[in-house]
Amino acid sequence: MLDYYHFKEINDLFLKGRHEEARHLLTEMQARYIAVCDENNLLKMQITEMEDVLYLAKNLTFDGTCYWLNTGTIRQGPFCQRCYNQDGALLRLDTQNGESVCPVCGTVHERLYPTRSRSLMARPAPHLAKVIPISG
């Protein structure tokens, strides 16, 4: 921590003509200032990291297969469960042939949401009404 009274002491030493002592004290103050600035920058980085961790804790959801990141009204993802659980890395899955694959670890994730063509094929055919001819 900087002791601000040293600045007055340095000024007084210069006024009294004790330049060598004043320079020495000024050099010490400069080293302390640099240390305080370094500590301040480190603390700012730690605060930013903690804010990121809190943001993920609030907005990251797990659907049973993979992670999703909710940003406002947009749901981003899916992200690899294995990579996030092991390394804390959010890696977006690649979709290939109806499967979601992690580009880093190669884990294949089942898709919980069917594609449009599959959902149309899976629907049962609608029952059509029987037309009864009217004879007259």
C-alpha atoms as a PDB file:
ATOM      1  CA  MET A   1       0.000   0.000   0.000  1.00  0.00           C
ATOM      2  CA  LEU A   2       1.185   3.488  -0.760  1.00  0.00           C
ATOM      3  CA  ASP A   3       1.921   5.759   2.157  1.00  0.00           C
ATOM      4  CA  TYR A   4       0.950   9.151   0.786  1.00  0.00           C
ATOM      5  CA  TYR A   5       2.764  11.123   3.500  1.00  0.00           C
ATOM      6  CA  HIS A   6       6.025  10.041   1.817  1.00  0.00           C
ATOM      7  CA  PHE A   7       5.303  12.448  -1.049  1.00  0.00           C
ATOM      8  CA  LYS A   8       5.508  15.409   1.366  1.00  0.00           C
ATOM      9  CA  GLU A   9       8.629  13.913   2.881  1.00  0.00           C
ATOM     10  CA  ILE A  10      10.233  13.610  -0.599  1.00  0.00           C
ATOM     11  CA  ASN A  11       9.346  17.235  -1.367  1.00  0.00           C
ATOM     12  CA  ASP A  12      10.833  18.402   1.928  1.00  0.00           C
ATOM     13  CA  LEU A  13      14.054  16.459   1.252  1.00  0.00           C
ATOM     14  CA  PHE A  14      14.402  18.116  -2.168  1.00  0.00           C
ATOM     15  CA  LEU A  15      13.795  21.554  -0.639  1.00  0.00           C
ATOM     16  CA  LYS A  16      16.470  20.911   2.017  1.00  0.00           C
ATOM     17  CA  GLY A  17      18.967  19.929  -0.697  1.00  0.00           C
ATOM     18  CA  ARG A  18      19.117  16.273   0.344  1.00  0.00           C
ATOM     19  CA  HIS A  19      18.628  15.097  -3.233  1.00  0.00           C
ATOM     20  CA  GLU A  20      20.141  11.614  -2.850  1.00  0.00           C
ATOM     21  CA  GLU A  21      17.799  10.693   0.030  1.00  0.00           C
ATOM     22  CA  ALA A  22      14.823  12.126  -1.856  1.00  0.00           C
ATOM     23  CA  ARG A  23      15.693  10.106  -4.995  1.00  0.00           C
ATOM     24  CA  HIS A  24      16.059   6.946  -2.936  1.00  0.00           C
ATOM     25  CA  LEU A  25      12.667   7.445  -1.278  1.00  0.00           C
ATOM     26  CA  LEU A  26      11.126   8.329  -4.654  1.00  0.00           C
ATOM     27  CA  THR A  27      12.497   5.077  -6.134  1.00  0.00           C
ATOM     28  CA  GLU A  28      10.925   3.109  -3.272  1.00  0.00           C
ATOM     29  CA  MET A  29       7.598   4.861  -3.849  1.00  0.00           C
ATOM     30  CA  GLN A  30       7.778   4.053  -7.558  1.00  0.00           C
ATOM     31  CA  ALA A  31       8.356   0.341  -6.813  1.00  0.00           C
ATOM     32  CA  ARG A  32       5.404   0.323  -4.398  1.00  0.00           C
ATOM     33  CA  TYR A  33       3.204   2.055  -6.980  1.00  0.00           C
ATOM     34  CA  ILE A  34       4.070  -0.547  -9.624  1.00  0.00           C
ATOM     35  CA  ALA A  35       3.295  -3.371  -7.162  1.00  0.00           C
ATOM     36  CA  VAL A  36      -0.088  -1.807  -6.303  1.00  0.00           C
ATOM     37  CA  CYS A  37      -0.937  -1.425 -10.015  1.00  0.00           C
ATOM     38  CA  ASP A  38      -0.004  -5.066 -10.682  1.00  0.00           C
ATOM     39  CA  GLU A  39      -2.138  -6.239  -7.765  1.00  0.00           C
ATOM     40  CA  ASN A  40      -5.038  -4.065  -8.963  1.00  0.00           C
ATOM     41  CA  ASN A  41      -4.861  -5.550 -12.480  1.00  0.00           C
ATOM     42  CA  LEU A  42      -4.762  -9.082 -11.065  1.00  0.00           C
ATOM     43  CA  LEU A  43      -7.814  -8.392  -8.896  1.00  0.00           C
ATOM     44  CA  LYS A  44      -9.698  -6.936 -11.882  1.00  0.00           C
ATOM     45  CA  MET A  45      -8.974 -10.089 -13.902  1.00  0.00           C
ATOM     46  CA  GLN A  46     -10.171 -12.273 -11.019  1.00  0.00           C
ATOM     47  CA  ILE A  47     -13.396 -10.260 -10.771  1.00  0.00           C
ATOM     48  CA  THR A  48     -13.996 -10.662 -14.512  1.00  0.00           C
ATOM     49  CA  GLU A  49     -13.417 -14.430 -14.260  1.00  0.00           C
ATOM     50  CA  MET A  50     -15.841 -14.681 -11.336  1.00  0.00           C
ATOM     51  CA  GLU A  51     -18.462 -12.699 -13.257  1.00  0.00           C
ATOM     52  CA  ASP A  52     -18.081 -15.137 -16.160  1.00  0.00           C
ATOM     53  CA  VAL A  53     -18.472 -18.106 -13.816  1.00  0.00           C
ATOM     54  CA  LEU A  54     -21.612 -16.573 -12.283  1.00  0.00           C
ATOM     55  CA  TYR A  55     -23.039 -15.842 -15.747  1.00  0.00           C
ATOM     56  CA  LEU A  56     -22.550 -19.474 -16.778  1.00  0.00           C
ATOM     57  CA  ALA A  57     -24.046 -20.723 -13.516  1.00  0.00           C
ATOM     58  CA  LYS A  58     -27.176 -18.671 -14.175  1.00  0.00           C
ATOM     59  CA  ASN A  59     -27.537 -19.269 -17.914  1.00  0.00           C
ATOM     60  CA  LEU A  60     -26.138 -22.738 -18.662  1.00  0.00           C
ATOM     61  CA  THR A  61     -28.664 -25.574 -18.666  1.00  0.00           C
ATOM     62  CA  PHE A  62     -28.280 -29.307 -19.117  1.00  0.00           C
ATOM     63  CA  ASP A  63     -31.020 -31.200 -20.947  1.00  0.00           C
ATOM     64  CA  GLY A  64     -29.863 -34.709 -20.062  1.00  0.00           C
ATOM     65  CA  THR A  65     -27.571 -35.050 -23.072  1.00  0.00           C
ATOM     66  CA  CYS A  66     -25.796 -31.744 -23.672  1.00  0.00           C
ATOM     67  CA  TYR A  67     -25.481 -28.182 -22.400  1.00  0.00           C
ATOM     68  CA  TRP A  68     -27.273 -25.097 -23.735  1.00  0.00           C
ATOM     69  CA  LEU A  69     -26.428 -21.456 -23.079  1.00  0.00           C
ATOM     70  CA  ASN A  70     -29.358 -19.080 -22.731  1.00  0.00           C
ATOM     71  CA  THR A  71     -28.424 -15.575 -23.872  1.00  0.00           C
ATOM     72  CA  GLY A  72     -31.466 -13.365 -23.657  1.00  0.00           C
ATOM     73  CA  THR A  73     -34.137 -14.987 -25.808  1.00  0.00           C
ATOM     74  CA  ILE A  74     -31.662 -17.096 -27.801  1.00  0.00           C
ATOM     75  CA  ARG A  75     -30.731 -20.644 -26.806  1.00  0.00           C
ATOM     76  CA  GLN A  76     -27.198 -21.364 -28.026  1.00  0.00           C
ATOM     77  CA  GLY A  77     -25.718 -24.808 -28.363  1.00  0.00           C
ATOM     78  CA  PRO A  78     -25.693 -27.679 -28.019  1.00  0.00           C
ATOM     79  CA  PHE A  79     -22.365 -27.956 -26.204  1.00  0.00           C
ATOM     80  CA  CYS A  80     -20.430 -31.108 -25.304  1.00  0.00           C
ATOM     81  CA  GLN A  81     -21.203 -32.465 -21.842  1.00  0.00           C
ATOM     82  CA  ARG A  82     -17.933 -34.374 -21.526  1.00  0.00           C
ATOM     83  CA  CYS A  83     -15.672 -31.440 -22.449  1.00  0.00           C
ATOM     84  CA  TYR A  84     -17.542 -29.054 -20.128  1.00  0.00           C
ATOM     85  CA  ASN A  85     -17.529 -31.467 -17.184  1.00  0.00           C
ATOM     86  CA  GLN A  86     -13.841 -32.390 -17.584  1.00  0.00           C
ATOM     87  CA  ASP A  87     -12.232 -29.154 -18.780  1.00  0.00           C
ATOM     88  CA  GLY A  88     -14.858 -26.449 -18.312  1.00  0.00           C
ATOM     89  CA  ALA A  89     -14.765 -25.834 -22.085  1.00  0.00           C
ATOM     90  CA  LEU A  90     -17.966 -24.984 -23.952  1.00  0.00           C
ATOM     91  CA  LEU A  91     -17.495 -26.711 -27.298  1.00  0.00           C
ATOM     92  CA  ARG A  92     -20.333 -26.540 -29.802  1.00  0.00           C
ATOM     93  CA  LEU A  93     -21.336 -29.911 -31.227  1.00  0.00           C
ATOM     94  CA  ASP A  94     -21.268 -30.603 -34.967  1.00  0.00           C
ATOM     95  CA  THR A  95     -24.356 -32.206 -36.455  1.00  0.00           C
ATOM     96  CA  GLN A  96     -23.563 -35.032 -38.866  1.00  0.00           C
ATOM     97  CA  ASN A  97     -26.065 -37.553 -40.228  1.00  0.00           C
ATOM     98  CA  GLY A  98     -28.567 -36.835 -37.470  1.00  0.00           C
ATOM     99  CA  GLU A  99     -25.984 -37.180 -34.691  1.00  0.00           C
ATOM    100  CA  SER A 100     -24.300 -34.473 -32.651  1.00  0.00           C
ATOM    101  CA  VAL A 101     -20.525 -35.043 -32.426  1.00  0.00           C
ATOM    102  CA  CYS A 102     -17.947 -33.132 -30.394  1.00  0.00           C
ATOM    103  CA  PRO A 103     -15.138 -31.904 -32.672  1.00  0.00           C
ATOM    104  CA  VAL A 104     -12.555 -32.210 -29.855  1.00  0.00           C
ATOM    105  CA  CYS A 105     -13.258 -35.404 -27.894  1.00  0.00           C
ATOM    106  CA  GLY A 106     -15.350 -37.174 -30.557  1.00  0.00           C
ATOM    107  CA  THR A 107     -18.198 -38.028 -28.196  1.00  0.00           C
ATOM    108  CA  VAL A 108     -21.449 -38.760 -30.023  1.00  0.00           C
ATOM    109  CA  HIS A 109     -24.506 -37.271 -28.334  1.00  0.00           C
ATOM    110  CA  GLU A 110     -28.028 -38.486 -29.016  1.00  0.00           C
ATOM    111  CA  ARG A 111     -30.304 -35.835 -30.395  1.00  0.00           C
ATOM    112  CA  LEU A 112     -33.326 -35.196 -28.237  1.00  0.00           C
ATOM    113  CA  TYR A 113     -35.070 -33.227 -30.924  1.00  0.00           C
ATOM    114  CA  PRO A 114     -36.074 -34.980 -34.146  1.00  0.00           C
ATOM    115  CA  THR A 115     -35.439 -33.454 -37.529  1.00  0.00           C
ATOM    116  CA  ARG A 116     -38.406 -32.105 -39.464  1.00  0.00           C
ATOM    117  CA  SER A 117     -38.462 -34.912 -42.025  1.00  0.00           C
ATOM    118  CA  ARG A 118     -38.368 -37.612 -39.352  1.00  0.00           C
ATOM    119  CA  SER A 119     -41.142 -36.001 -37.366  1.00  0.00           C
ATOM    120  CA  LEU A 120     -43.354 -35.887 -40.441  1.00  0.00           C
ATOM    121  CA  MET A 121     -42.667 -39.524 -41.251  1.00  0.00           C
ATOM    122  CA  ALA A 122     -43.315 -40.605 -37.670  1.00  0.00           C
ATOM    123  CA  ARG A 123     -46.817 -39.117 -37.540  1.00  0.00           C
ATOM    124  CA  PRO A 124     -49.670 -41.530 -38.069  1.00  0.00           C
ATOM    125  CA  ALA A 125     -51.741 -40.960 -41.167  1.00  0.00           C
ATOM    126  CA  PRO A 126     -54.835 -38.887 -40.414  1.00  0.00           C
ATOM    127  CA  HIS A 127     -58.175 -40.696 -40.496  1.00  0.00           C
ATOM    128  CA  LEU A 128     -60.157 -39.637 -43.487  1.00  0.00           C
ATOM    129  CA  ALA A 129     -63.911 -39.348 -43.342  1.00  0.00           C
ATOM    130  CA  LYS A 130     -65.869 -41.948 -45.213  1.00  0.00           C
ATOM    131  CA  VAL A 131     -67.977 -40.537 -48.031  1.00  0.00           C
ATOM    132  CA  ILE A 132     -71.484 -41.996 -48.170  1.00  0.00           C
ATOM    133  CA  PRO A 133     -73.152 -41.570 -51.528  1.00  0.00           C
ATOM    134  CA  ILE A 134     -76.688 -40.190 -51.430  1.00  0.00           C
ATOM    135  CA  SER A 135     -79.007 -42.085 -53.637  1.00  0.00           C
ATOM    136  CA  GLY A 136     -82.065 -40.473 -54.874  1.00  0.00           C
END
